[in-house]
């Protein structure tokens, strides 16, 4: 039985460590609307950690193919550095998307506090949009790229220069964002610190990208999101990202209204 490449072992280890740190950070912090009082830098740090946990396992087939493509490089440290540069470029695309996620979370938090009756309908509409996207040719195009390491290698083989491996990561990361942005919208809607939903979404992405029936599964996921959206208007608490917990404001501070006990 062939042993896994050390680079893949490191990749999966990074994902496990990221999951562990994410669980520690989320412990005692219920999923809620908005950014939960976290500034941009803190949000991006947490977002990067979550993307490492959720996305790195699905990156294993592509990294494996890339490691095979650079096996002629004799120096093991050079190969390690090139692999690390690819991962950095890949994460950069998700950090850039994190800027959009931060803005979306801020808007969702505002909707939850200012128009709580309308917010569930907006959330349902976004879920339907994410579900429909799962059924579109553009989704299929991006997903097929993520599922085809050979086509990927043929494209990036012409990259040259000291930043080529970062460019490789950026190239693949762009398609990955195109494939998974709808799922990340769902993550923000259910609360970015919602560990259960993080696990469900990460598993769905892994199956989409690595399972032999992944493309069909992505369509099933889309239908499931549309069905889920139908339930939201009557059950706003299904979307904590648009539904503040009782007694809590957007910045996660207790509601210190005069009629609370002890005041």
C-alpha atoms as a PDB file:
ATOM      1  CA  UNK A   1       0.000   0.000   0.000  1.00  0.00           C
ATOM      2  CA  UNK A   2       1.488   3.321  -1.100  1.00  0.00           C
ATOM      3  CA  UNK A   3       2.134   5.859   1.604  1.00  0.00           C
ATOM      4  CA  UNK A   4       0.481   9.274   1.220  1.00  0.00           C
ATOM      5  CA  UNK A   5       2.729  12.084   0.046  1.00  0.00           C
ATOM      6  CA  UNK A   6       4.082  14.142   2.980  1.00  0.00           C
ATOM      7  CA  UNK A   7       2.634  17.268   1.365  1.00  0.00           C
ATOM      8  CA  UNK A   8      -0.863  15.784   1.523  1.00  0.00           C
ATOM      9  CA  UNK A   9      -0.320  14.780   5.145  1.00  0.00           C
ATOM     10  CA  UNK A  10       0.608  18.383   5.934  1.00  0.00           C
ATOM     11  CA  UNK A  11      -2.452  19.656   4.051  1.00  0.00           C
ATOM     12  CA  UNK A  12      -4.844  17.464   6.039  1.00  0.00           C
ATOM     13  CA  UNK A  13      -3.004  18.255   9.278  1.00  0.00           C
ATOM     14  CA  UNK A  14      -3.492  21.975   8.596  1.00  0.00           C
ATOM     15  CA  UNK A  15      -7.207  21.350   8.096  1.00  0.00           C
ATOM     16  CA  UNK A  16      -7.471  19.447  11.374  1.00  0.00           C
ATOM     17  CA  UNK A  17      -5.591  22.155  13.283  1.00  0.00           C
ATOM     18  CA  UNK A  18      -7.810  24.817  11.698  1.00  0.00           C
ATOM     19  CA  UNK A  19     -10.920  22.880  12.752  1.00  0.00           C
ATOM     20  CA  UNK A  20      -9.595  22.581  16.293  1.00  0.00           C
ATOM     21  CA  UNK A  21      -8.833  26.309  16.546  1.00  0.00           C
ATOM     22  CA  UNK A  22     -12.198  27.190  14.996  1.00  0.00           C
ATOM     23  CA  UNK A  23     -14.016  25.062  17.572  1.00  0.00           C
ATOM     24  CA  UNK A  24     -12.072  26.748  20.366  1.00  0.00           C
ATOM     25  CA  UNK A  25     -12.898  30.197  18.985  1.00  0.00           C
ATOM     26  CA  UNK A  26     -16.580  29.364  18.543  1.00  0.00           C
ATOM     27  CA  UNK A  27     -17.001  27.772  21.972  1.00  0.00           C
ATOM     28  CA  UNK A  28     -19.398  29.842  24.019  1.00  0.00           C
ATOM     29  CA  UNK A  29     -20.131  32.142  21.063  1.00  0.00           C
ATOM     30  CA  UNK A  30     -23.570  31.332  19.625  1.00  0.00           C
ATOM     31  CA  UNK A  31     -24.198  31.897  15.933  1.00  0.00           C
ATOM     32  CA  UNK A  32     -25.791  35.283  15.447  1.00  0.00           C
ATOM     33  CA  UNK A  33     -26.381  38.052  12.940  1.00  0.00           C
ATOM     34  CA  UNK A  34     -23.839  40.497  11.616  1.00  0.00           C
ATOM     35  CA  UNK A  35     -20.175  40.313  12.505  1.00  0.00           C
ATOM     36  CA  UNK A  36     -20.977  39.845  16.202  1.00  0.00           C
ATOM     37  CA  UNK A  37     -18.885  42.858  17.131  1.00  0.00           C
ATOM     38  CA  UNK A  38     -15.740  41.561  15.400  1.00  0.00           C
ATOM     39  CA  UNK A  39     -13.718  44.082  13.396  1.00  0.00           C
ATOM     40  CA  UNK A  40     -12.555  43.536   9.837  1.00  0.00           C
ATOM     41  CA  UNK A  41      -9.101  42.204  10.777  1.00  0.00           C
ATOM     42  CA  UNK A  42     -10.515  39.763  13.308  1.00  0.00           C
ATOM     43  CA  UNK A  43     -13.244  38.654  10.920  1.00  0.00           C
ATOM     44  CA  UNK A  44     -10.745  37.993   8.123  1.00  0.00           C
ATOM     45  CA  UNK A  45      -8.500  36.047  10.500  1.00  0.00           C
ATOM     46  CA  UNK A  46     -11.418  33.862  11.568  1.00  0.00           C
ATOM     47  CA  UNK A  47     -12.637  33.565   7.980  1.00  0.00           C
ATOM     48  CA  UNK A  48      -9.206  32.403   6.790  1.00  0.00           C
ATOM     49  CA  UNK A  49      -9.117  29.830   9.573  1.00  0.00           C
ATOM     50  CA  UNK A  50     -12.568  28.553   8.591  1.00  0.00           C
ATOM     51  CA  UNK A  51     -11.660  28.370   4.907  1.00  0.00           C
ATOM     52  CA  UNK A  52      -8.539  26.387   5.789  1.00  0.00           C
ATOM     53  CA  UNK A  53     -10.654  23.950   7.781  1.00  0.00           C
ATOM     54  CA  UNK A  54     -13.441  23.642   5.234  1.00  0.00           C
ATOM     55  CA  UNK A  55     -11.650  23.838   1.887  1.00  0.00           C
ATOM     56  CA  UNK A  56      -8.247  22.172   2.328  1.00  0.00           C
ATOM     57  CA  UNK A  57      -9.583  18.561   2.379  1.00  0.00           C
ATOM     58  CA  UNK A  58     -11.269  19.108  -0.998  1.00  0.00           C
ATOM     59  CA  UNK A  59      -7.976  20.496  -2.330  1.00  0.00           C
ATOM     60  CA  UNK A  60      -6.145  17.192  -1.774  1.00  0.00           C
ATOM     61  CA  UNK A  61      -6.638  15.684  -5.290  1.00  0.00           C
ATOM     62  CA  UNK A  62      -5.413  18.825  -7.013  1.00  0.00           C
ATOM     63  CA  UNK A  63      -2.416  19.238  -4.697  1.00  0.00           C
ATOM     64  CA  UNK A  64      -1.552  15.584  -5.241  1.00  0.00           C
ATOM     65  CA  UNK A  65      -1.512  16.120  -9.014  1.00  0.00           C
ATOM     66  CA  UNK A  66       0.572  19.271  -8.617  1.00  0.00           C
ATOM     67  CA  UNK A  67       3.084  17.513  -6.403  1.00  0.00           C
ATOM     68  CA  UNK A  68       3.493  14.853  -9.070  1.00  0.00           C
ATOM     69  CA  UNK A  69       4.056  17.563 -11.683  1.00  0.00           C
ATOM     70  CA  UNK A  70       6.988  19.060  -9.735  1.00  0.00           C
ATOM     71  CA  UNK A  71       8.531  15.777  -8.595  1.00  0.00           C
ATOM     72  CA  UNK A  72      11.496  16.398 -10.904  1.00  0.00           C
ATOM     73  CA  UNK A  73      12.578  19.233  -8.602  1.00  0.00           C
ATOM     74  CA  UNK A  74      15.389  17.619  -6.638  1.00  0.00           C
ATOM     75  CA  UNK A  75      15.470  19.864  -3.587  1.00  0.00           C
ATOM     76  CA  UNK A  76      12.772  18.793  -1.139  1.00  0.00           C
ATOM     77  CA  UNK A  77      12.676  22.242   0.445  1.00  0.00           C
ATOM     78  CA  UNK A  78      12.060  23.887  -2.918  1.00  0.00           C
ATOM     79  CA  UNK A  79       9.165  21.506  -3.537  1.00  0.00           C
ATOM     80  CA  UNK A  80       7.789  22.288  -0.084  1.00  0.00           C
ATOM     81  CA  UNK A  81       8.108  26.034  -0.698  1.00  0.00           C
ATOM     82  CA  UNK A  82       6.346  25.757  -4.058  1.00  0.00           C
ATOM     83  CA  UNK A  83       3.495  23.775  -2.517  1.00  0.00           C
ATOM     84  CA  UNK A  84       3.186  26.340   0.284  1.00  0.00           C
ATOM     85  CA  UNK A  85       3.088  29.158  -2.278  1.00  0.00           C
ATOM     86  CA  UNK A  86       0.222  27.426  -4.085  1.00  0.00           C
ATOM     87  CA  UNK A  87      -1.745  27.177  -0.835  1.00  0.00           C
ATOM     88  CA  UNK A  88      -1.041  30.825  -0.038  1.00  0.00           C
ATOM     89  CA  UNK A  89      -2.329  31.899  -3.446  1.00  0.00           C
ATOM     90  CA  UNK A  90      -5.394  29.715  -2.976  1.00  0.00           C
ATOM     91  CA  UNK A  91      -6.156  31.208   0.430  1.00  0.00           C
ATOM     92  CA  UNK A  92      -5.691  34.725  -0.941  1.00  0.00           C
ATOM     93  CA  UNK A  93      -8.731  34.263  -3.156  1.00  0.00           C
ATOM     94  CA  UNK A  94     -10.823  33.287  -0.134  1.00  0.00           C
ATOM     95  CA  UNK A  95      -9.452  36.191   1.908  1.00  0.00           C
ATOM     96  CA  UNK A  96     -10.562  38.547  -0.864  1.00  0.00           C
ATOM     97  CA  UNK A  97     -13.964  36.876  -0.823  1.00  0.00           C
ATOM     98  CA  UNK A  98     -13.900  37.358   2.955  1.00  0.00           C
ATOM     99  CA  UNK A  99     -14.047  41.116   2.373  1.00  0.00           C
ATOM    100  CA  UNK A 100     -17.352  40.579   0.576  1.00  0.00           C
ATOM    101  CA  UNK A 101     -18.476  38.202   3.320  1.00  0.00           C
ATOM    102  CA  UNK A 102     -17.725  40.831   5.961  1.00  0.00           C
ATOM    103  CA  UNK A 103     -19.805  43.425   4.121  1.00  0.00           C
ATOM    104  CA  UNK A 104     -22.636  40.920   3.672  1.00  0.00           C
ATOM    105  CA  UNK A 105     -22.563  40.025   7.364  1.00  0.00           C
ATOM    106  CA  UNK A 106     -22.759  43.705   8.288  1.00  0.00           C
ATOM    107  CA  UNK A 107     -25.775  44.152   6.010  1.00  0.00           C
ATOM    108  CA  UNK A 108     -27.450  41.030   7.371  1.00  0.00           C
ATOM    109  CA  UNK A 109     -26.923  42.265  10.922  1.00  0.00           C
ATOM    110  CA  UNK A 110     -28.509  45.597  10.029  1.00  0.00           C
ATOM    111  CA  UNK A 111     -31.483  43.836   8.440  1.00  0.00           C
ATOM    112  CA  UNK A 112     -31.937  41.632  11.503  1.00  0.00           C
ATOM    113  CA  UNK A 113     -32.157  44.612  13.830  1.00  0.00           C
ATOM    114  CA  UNK A 114     -33.930  47.186  11.650  1.00  0.00           C
ATOM    115  CA  UNK A 115     -36.371  45.116   9.561  1.00  0.00           C
ATOM    116  CA  UNK A 116     -36.751  41.810  11.446  1.00  0.00           C
ATOM    117  CA  UNK A 117     -40.066  40.997   9.755  1.00  0.00           C
ATOM    118  CA  UNK A 118     -38.613  41.397   6.271  1.00  0.00           C
ATOM    119  CA  UNK A 119     -35.228  39.789   6.944  1.00  0.00           C
ATOM    120  CA  UNK A 120     -36.465  36.158   6.763  1.00  0.00           C
ATOM    121  CA  UNK A 121     -37.942  36.781   3.316  1.00  0.00           C
ATOM    122  CA  UNK A 122     -34.658  38.274   2.143  1.00  0.00           C
ATOM    123  CA  UNK A 123     -32.839  35.285   3.564  1.00  0.00           C
ATOM    124  CA  UNK A 124     -35.215  32.904   1.823  1.00  0.00           C
ATOM    125  CA  UNK A 125     -34.622  34.720  -1.448  1.00  0.00           C
ATOM    126  CA  UNK A 126     -30.860  34.405  -1.044  1.00  0.00           C
ATOM    127  CA  UNK A 127     -31.193  30.704  -0.280  1.00  0.00           C
ATOM    128  CA  UNK A 128     -33.258  30.239  -3.434  1.00  0.00           C
ATOM    129  CA  UNK A 129     -30.603  32.128  -5.409  1.00  0.00           C
ATOM    130  CA  UNK A 130     -27.846  29.914  -3.980  1.00  0.00           C
ATOM    131  CA  UNK A 131     -29.924  26.826  -4.768  1.00  0.00           C
ATOM    132  CA  UNK A 132     -30.655  27.902  -8.337  1.00  0.00           C
ATOM    133  CA  UNK A 133     -26.958  28.666  -8.894  1.00  0.00           C
ATOM    134  CA  UNK A 134     -26.183  25.038  -8.040  1.00  0.00           C
ATOM    135  CA  UNK A 135     -28.230  24.061 -11.122  1.00  0.00           C
ATOM    136  CA  UNK A 136     -26.641  26.480 -13.601  1.00  0.00           C
ATOM    137  CA  UNK A 137     -24.083  25.822 -16.376  1.00  0.00           C
ATOM    138  CA  UNK A 138     -21.676  28.283 -14.714  1.00  0.00           C
ATOM    139  CA  UNK A 139     -21.679  26.210 -11.535  1.00  0.00           C
ATOM    140  CA  UNK A 140     -21.057  23.072 -13.588  1.00  0.00           C
ATOM    141  CA  UNK A 141     -18.221  24.786 -15.462  1.00  0.00           C
ATOM    142  CA  UNK A 142     -16.447  25.830 -12.262  1.00  0.00           C
ATOM    143  CA  UNK A 143     -17.069  22.476 -10.603  1.00  0.00           C
ATOM    144  CA  UNK A 144     -15.708  20.522 -13.565  1.00  0.00           C
ATOM    145  CA  UNK A 145     -12.528  22.600 -13.356  1.00  0.00           C
ATOM    146  CA  UNK A 146     -12.182  21.772  -9.649  1.00  0.00           C
ATOM    147  CA  UNK A 147     -12.735  18.073 -10.420  1.00  0.00           C
ATOM    148  CA  UNK A 148     -10.202  17.915 -13.274  1.00  0.00           C
ATOM    149  CA  UNK A 149      -6.574  18.167 -12.061  1.00  0.00           C
ATOM    150  CA  UNK A 150      -5.253  17.188 -15.502  1.00  0.00           C
ATOM    151  CA  UNK A 151      -6.863  20.148 -17.291  1.00  0.00           C
ATOM    152  CA  UNK A 152      -5.658  22.353 -14.455  1.00  0.00           C
ATOM    153  CA  UNK A 153      -2.055  21.173 -14.856  1.00  0.00           C
ATOM    154  CA  UNK A 154      -2.141  21.674 -18.608  1.00  0.00           C
ATOM    155  CA  UNK A 155      -3.163  25.298 -18.105  1.00  0.00           C
ATOM    156  CA  UNK A 156      -0.697  26.230 -15.332  1.00  0.00           C
ATOM    157  CA  UNK A 157       2.279  24.444 -16.915  1.00  0.00           C
ATOM    158  CA  UNK A 158       3.046  27.594 -18.882  1.00  0.00           C
ATOM    159  CA  UNK A 159       3.278  29.810 -15.798  1.00  0.00           C
ATOM    160  CA  UNK A 160       6.814  31.107 -15.271  1.00  0.00           C
ATOM    161  CA  UNK A 161       8.644  33.333 -12.820  1.00  0.00           C
ATOM    162  CA  UNK A 162       9.122  33.452  -9.047  1.00  0.00           C
ATOM    163  CA  UNK A 163       5.409  33.989  -8.367  1.00  0.00           C
ATOM    164  CA  UNK A 164       4.190  31.176 -10.603  1.00  0.00           C
ATOM    165  CA  UNK A 165       3.021  28.953  -7.748  1.00  0.00           C
ATOM    166  CA  UNK A 166       1.071  31.772  -6.110  1.00  0.00           C
ATOM    167  CA  UNK A 167      -0.514  32.409  -9.521  1.00  0.00           C
ATOM    168  CA  UNK A 168      -1.407  28.722  -9.694  1.00  0.00           C
ATOM    169  CA  UNK A 169      -3.159  28.992  -6.327  1.00  0.00           C
ATOM    170  CA  UNK A 170      -4.957  32.166  -7.357  1.00  0.00           C
ATOM    171  CA  UNK A 171      -6.064  30.573 -10.621  1.00  0.00           C
ATOM    172  CA  UNK A 172      -7.548  27.543  -8.956  1.00  0.00           C
ATOM    173  CA  UNK A 173      -8.928  29.573  -6.061  1.00  0.00           C
ATOM    174  CA  UNK A 174     -10.864  31.781  -8.480  1.00  0.00           C
ATOM    175  CA  UNK A 175     -12.651  28.755  -9.912  1.00  0.00           C
ATOM    176  CA  UNK A 176     -13.186  27.419  -6.404  1.00  0.00           C
ATOM    177  CA  UNK A 177     -14.870  30.676  -5.347  1.00  0.00           C
ATOM    178  CA  UNK A 178     -16.967  30.493  -8.505  1.00  0.00           C
ATOM    179  CA  UNK A 179     -17.967  26.972  -7.543  1.00  0.00           C
ATOM    180  CA  UNK A 180     -18.673  27.518  -3.844  1.00  0.00           C
ATOM    181  CA  UNK A 181     -19.728  31.151  -3.303  1.00  0.00           C
ATOM    182  CA  UNK A 182     -23.388  30.158  -2.942  1.00  0.00           C
ATOM    183  CA  UNK A 183     -22.515  27.789  -0.107  1.00  0.00           C
ATOM    184  CA  UNK A 184     -20.615  30.571   1.631  1.00  0.00           C
ATOM    185  CA  UNK A 185     -23.664  32.839   1.392  1.00  0.00           C
ATOM    186  CA  UNK A 186     -25.556  30.070   3.172  1.00  0.00           C
ATOM    187  CA  UNK A 187     -22.836  29.990   5.843  1.00  0.00           C
ATOM    188  CA  UNK A 188     -23.237  33.714   6.500  1.00  0.00           C
ATOM    189  CA  UNK A 189     -27.028  33.367   6.635  1.00  0.00           C
ATOM    190  CA  UNK A 190     -26.872  30.617   9.261  1.00  0.00           C
ATOM    191  CA  UNK A 191     -24.166  32.473  11.239  1.00  0.00           C
ATOM    192  CA  UNK A 192     -20.474  32.275  10.452  1.00  0.00           C
ATOM    193  CA  UNK A 193     -19.694  30.668  13.817  1.00  0.00           C
ATOM    194  CA  UNK A 194     -22.291  27.912  13.328  1.00  0.00           C
ATOM    195  CA  UNK A 195     -20.078  24.830  13.645  1.00  0.00           C
ATOM    196  CA  UNK A 196     -22.786  22.339  12.684  1.00  0.00           C
ATOM    197  CA  UNK A 197     -23.513  24.152   9.433  1.00  0.00           C
ATOM    198  CA  UNK A 198     -19.783  24.568   8.787  1.00  0.00           C
ATOM    199  CA  UNK A 199     -19.398  20.792   8.953  1.00  0.00           C
ATOM    200  CA  UNK A 200     -22.405  20.187   6.680  1.00  0.00           C
ATOM    201  CA  UNK A 201     -21.215  22.691   4.078  1.00  0.00           C
ATOM    202  CA  UNK A 202     -17.629  21.401   4.195  1.00  0.00           C
ATOM    203  CA  UNK A 203     -18.882  17.836   3.670  1.00  0.00           C
ATOM    204  CA  UNK A 204     -21.081  18.935   0.756  1.00  0.00           C
ATOM    205  CA  UNK A 205     -18.163  20.727  -0.913  1.00  0.00           C
ATOM    206  CA  UNK A 206     -15.886  17.719  -0.406  1.00  0.00           C
ATOM    207  CA  UNK A 207     -18.451  15.392  -2.000  1.00  0.00           C
ATOM    208  CA  UNK A 208     -19.050  17.778  -4.907  1.00  0.00           C
ATOM    209  CA  UNK A 209     -15.364  17.926  -5.741  1.00  0.00           C
ATOM    210  CA  UNK A 210     -14.176  14.399  -5.066  1.00  0.00           C
ATOM    211  CA  UNK A 211     -17.104  11.953  -5.289  1.00  0.00           C
ATOM    212  CA  UNK A 212     -17.727  10.218  -8.619  1.00  0.00           C
ATOM    213  CA  UNK A 213     -21.331  11.475  -8.482  1.00  0.00           C
ATOM    214  CA  UNK A 214     -20.314  14.931  -7.291  1.00  0.00           C
ATOM    215  CA  UNK A 215     -21.944  16.873 -10.130  1.00  0.00           C
ATOM    216  CA  UNK A 216     -25.288  15.157  -9.575  1.00  0.00           C
ATOM    217  CA  UNK A 217     -24.891  15.692  -5.837  1.00  0.00           C
ATOM    218  CA  UNK A 218     -24.406  19.436  -6.393  1.00  0.00           C
ATOM    219  CA  UNK A 219     -27.810  19.564  -8.079  1.00  0.00           C
ATOM    220  CA  UNK A 220     -29.422  17.684  -5.201  1.00  0.00           C
ATOM    221  CA  UNK A 221     -27.846  20.237  -2.860  1.00  0.00           C
ATOM    222  CA  UNK A 222     -29.366  23.042  -4.923  1.00  0.00           C
ATOM    223  CA  UNK A 223     -32.846  21.549  -4.666  1.00  0.00           C
ATOM    224  CA  UNK A 224     -32.374  21.023  -0.926  1.00  0.00           C
ATOM    225  CA  UNK A 225     -31.477  24.701  -0.479  1.00  0.00           C
ATOM    226  CA  UNK A 226     -34.633  25.771  -2.321  1.00  0.00           C
ATOM    227  CA  UNK A 227     -36.754  23.496  -0.126  1.00  0.00           C
ATOM    228  CA  UNK A 228     -35.010  24.858   2.960  1.00  0.00           C
ATOM    229  CA  UNK A 229     -35.767  28.398   1.796  1.00  0.00           C
ATOM    230  CA  UNK A 230     -39.505  27.628   1.756  1.00  0.00           C
ATOM    231  CA  UNK A 231     -39.362  26.854   5.487  1.00  0.00           C
ATOM    232  CA  UNK A 232     -37.573  30.048   6.510  1.00  0.00           C
ATOM    233  CA  UNK A 233     -40.346  32.720   6.466  1.00  0.00           C
ATOM    234  CA  UNK A 234     -42.398  30.723   8.971  1.00  0.00           C
ATOM    235  CA  UNK A 235     -39.305  29.783  11.000  1.00  0.00           C
ATOM    236  CA  UNK A 236     -36.924  32.800  11.031  1.00  0.00           C
ATOM    237  CA  UNK A 237     -34.693  31.197  13.659  1.00  0.00           C
ATOM    238  CA  UNK A 238     -33.491  28.767  10.975  1.00  0.00           C
ATOM    239  CA  UNK A 239     -31.248  31.613   9.784  1.00  0.00           C
ATOM    240  CA  UNK A 240     -29.397  32.959  12.855  1.00  0.00           C
ATOM    241  CA  UNK A 241     -27.458  35.270  10.553  1.00  0.00           C
ATOM    242  CA  UNK A 242     -30.695  37.228  10.049  1.00  0.00           C
ATOM    243  CA  UNK A 243     -32.370  36.500  13.360  1.00  0.00           C
ATOM    244  CA  UNK A 244     -30.867  37.907  16.583  1.00  0.00           C
ATOM    245  CA  UNK A 245     -31.064  35.730  19.655  1.00  0.00           C
ATOM    246  CA  UNK A 246     -33.502  36.972  22.327  1.00  0.00           C
ATOM    247  CA  UNK A 247     -31.947  39.613  24.528  1.00  0.00           C
ATOM    248  CA  UNK A 248     -28.890  40.056  22.301  1.00  0.00           C
ATOM    249  CA  UNK A 249     -28.008  42.964  20.027  1.00  0.00           C
ATOM    250  CA  UNK A 250     -25.956  42.773  16.820  1.00  0.00           C
ATOM    251  CA  UNK A 251     -22.703  43.260  18.694  1.00  0.00           C
ATOM    252  CA  UNK A 252     -23.587  40.336  20.976  1.00  0.00           C
ATOM    253  CA  UNK A 253     -24.013  42.509  24.054  1.00  0.00           C
ATOM    254  CA  UNK A 254     -26.969  41.897  26.393  1.00  0.00           C
ATOM    255  CA  UNK A 255     -30.028  44.040  25.830  1.00  0.00           C
ATOM    256  CA  UNK A 256     -29.878  46.332  28.876  1.00  0.00           C
ATOM    257  CA  UNK A 257     -33.416  47.640  28.600  1.00  0.00           C
ATOM    258  CA  UNK A 258     -34.959  49.057  31.814  1.00  0.00           C
ATOM    259  CA  UNK A 259     -37.569  46.322  32.097  1.00  0.00           C
ATOM    260  CA  UNK A 260     -35.030  43.531  32.382  1.00  0.00           C
ATOM    261  CA  UNK A 261     -34.817  41.844  35.780  1.00  0.00           C
ATOM    262  CA  UNK A 262     -32.260  43.346  38.092  1.00  0.00           C
ATOM    263  CA  UNK A 263     -32.453  46.830  36.537  1.00  0.00           C
END
